[in-house]
Amino acid sequence: MNLRFISKPLALLAALASWPGAQAQSPAQASSAPASSPAEFRSSFEGYQPYTEEKIINWKEANDRVGRIGGWRAYAKEAQRPSGASAPPEAKPADPHAGHSKPPQAKP
């Protein structure tokens, strides 16, 4: 019988068994650990809101409504506004390039 194939796994098993963390705690050590309180149960459905269908309106009415409130630009401004902010966005400077300067030209 060839013992070379058996001796290496047995040596590895013996080394793992002597590892300090691999040994089980004795009952005296286990009871000395403080007992922790069980975790509080919290359902994953706690804030669930079921789907509700919105009232469907005629497409012509929807287009007219969008036109009355300012078209796509009104929706774009609404999307740029931070959530919860009701104030209009700040005014931009008249010249957006006012702070820029031309780099110095190298003399030939």
Protein backbone atom coordinates (compact mmCIF):
# COMPACT_ATOMS: atom_id res chain seq x y z
CA MET A 1 0.00 0.00 0.00
CA ASN A 2 1.27 3.45 -0.90
CA LEU A 3 1.27 5.62 2.27
CA ARG A 4 2.45 8.77 0.50
CA PHE A 5 -1.14 9.66 -0.55
CA ILE A 6 -2.48 9.06 2.96
CA SER A 7 0.27 10.68 5.03
CA LYS A 8 -0.06 14.23 3.62
CA PRO A 9 -3.83 14.59 4.27
CA LEU A 10 -3.39 13.10 7.77
CA ALA A 11 -0.59 15.57 8.55
CA LEU A 12 -2.80 18.44 7.35
CA LEU A 13 -5.70 17.20 9.46
CA ALA A 14 -3.48 16.97 12.54
CA ALA A 15 -2.20 20.51 11.97
CA LEU A 16 -5.74 21.88 11.66
CA ALA A 17 -6.87 20.04 14.79
CA SER A 18 -4.08 21.63 16.81
CA TRP A 19 -5.04 25.13 15.64
CA PRO A 20 -6.20 27.17 18.70
CA GLY A 21 -9.41 28.51 17.12
CA ALA A 22 -10.52 25.08 15.89
CA GLN A 23 -11.05 23.67 19.37
CA ALA A 24 -14.55 23.72 20.81
CA GLN A 25 -15.30 25.71 23.95
CA SER A 26 -15.88 23.86 27.15
CA PRO A 27 -19.32 24.28 28.80
CA ALA A 28 -17.75 26.47 31.51
CA GLN A 29 -16.33 28.86 28.90
CA ALA A 30 -19.58 28.97 26.95
CA SER A 31 -21.69 29.86 30.00
CA SER A 32 -19.36 32.68 31.06
CA ALA A 33 -20.14 34.64 27.88
CA PRO A 34 -22.86 37.27 28.44
CA ALA A 35 -26.24 36.35 27.01
CA SER A 36 -27.32 38.80 24.32
CA SER A 37 -30.93 39.81 23.88
CA PRO A 38 -32.59 38.49 20.73
CA ALA A 39 -32.74 40.85 17.76
CA GLU A 40 -35.94 42.81 17.38
CA PHE A 41 -38.11 41.50 14.54
CA ARG A 42 -38.77 43.98 11.77
CA SER A 43 -40.88 42.95 8.79
CA SER A 44 -39.62 43.75 5.31
CA PHE A 45 -43.20 44.66 4.38
CA GLU A 46 -43.40 47.37 7.06
CA GLY A 47 -43.63 50.37 4.70
CA TYR A 48 -45.28 48.58 1.80
CA GLN A 49 -47.77 50.55 -0.24
CA PRO A 50 -49.83 48.48 -2.66
CA TYR A 51 -50.06 49.51 -6.31
CA THR A 52 -52.99 51.73 -7.13
CA GLU A 53 -53.96 52.54 -10.68
CA GLU A 54 -54.15 56.17 -11.66
CA LYS A 55 -57.13 57.60 -13.45
CA ILE A 56 -56.56 57.43 -17.19
CA ILE A 57 -57.43 60.61 -19.05
CA ASN A 58 -57.89 61.30 -22.73
CA TRP A 59 -54.58 61.92 -24.52
CA LYS A 60 -55.81 65.25 -25.90
CA GLU A 61 -56.62 66.43 -22.37
CA ALA A 62 -53.17 65.32 -21.21
CA ASN A 63 -51.48 67.24 -24.03
CA ASP A 64 -53.55 70.35 -23.29
CA ARG A 65 -52.67 70.15 -19.60
CA VAL A 66 -48.94 69.93 -20.38
CA GLY A 67 -49.27 72.93 -22.67
CA ARG A 68 -51.02 74.95 -19.95
CA ILE A 69 -48.34 74.32 -17.33
CA GLY A 70 -45.46 75.22 -19.64
CA GLY A 71 -44.66 72.14 -21.68
CA TRP A 72 -41.57 70.00 -21.27
CA ARG A 73 -39.58 72.93 -19.87
CA ALA A 74 -41.74 72.96 -16.74
CA TYR A 75 -40.97 69.28 -16.16
CA ALA A 76 -37.25 69.88 -16.78
CA LYS A 77 -37.18 72.70 -14.18
CA GLU A 78 -39.06 70.50 -11.72
CA ALA A 79 -36.53 67.69 -12.20
CA GLN A 80 -33.56 70.01 -11.57
CA ARG A 81 -35.01 71.36 -8.33
CA PRO A 82 -33.76 69.56 -5.17
CA SER A 83 -36.38 67.34 -3.60
CA GLY A 84 -38.59 69.18 -1.14
CA ALA A 85 -37.51 72.62 -2.37
CA SER A 86 -40.31 74.92 -3.42
CA ALA A 87 -38.15 77.96 -4.18
CA PRO A 88 -37.28 78.65 -7.81
CA PRO A 89 -33.70 77.91 -8.88
CA GLU A 90 -31.12 80.66 -8.36
CA ALA A 91 -30.58 83.19 -11.13
CA LYS A 92 -27.57 82.56 -13.31
CA PRO A 93 -25.05 85.28 -14.14
CA ALA A 94 -25.68 87.14 -17.39
CA ASP A 95 -22.39 86.01 -18.96
CA PRO A 96 -21.50 82.41 -18.10
CA HIS A 97 -17.94 82.96 -19.40
CA ALA A 98 -17.26 86.10 -17.34
CA GLY A 99 -14.78 84.33 -15.02
CA HIS A 100 -12.74 82.83 -17.83
CA SER A 101 -9.64 84.45 -19.23
CA LYS A 102 -7.62 83.78 -22.32
CA PRO A 103 -4.31 81.99 -21.74
CA PRO A 104 -1.22 84.12 -22.45
CA GLN A 105 0.15 83.78 -25.96
CA ALA A 106 3.72 82.61 -26.36
CA LYS A 107 5.87 85.12 -28.25
CA PRO A 108 7.69 83.72 -31.29
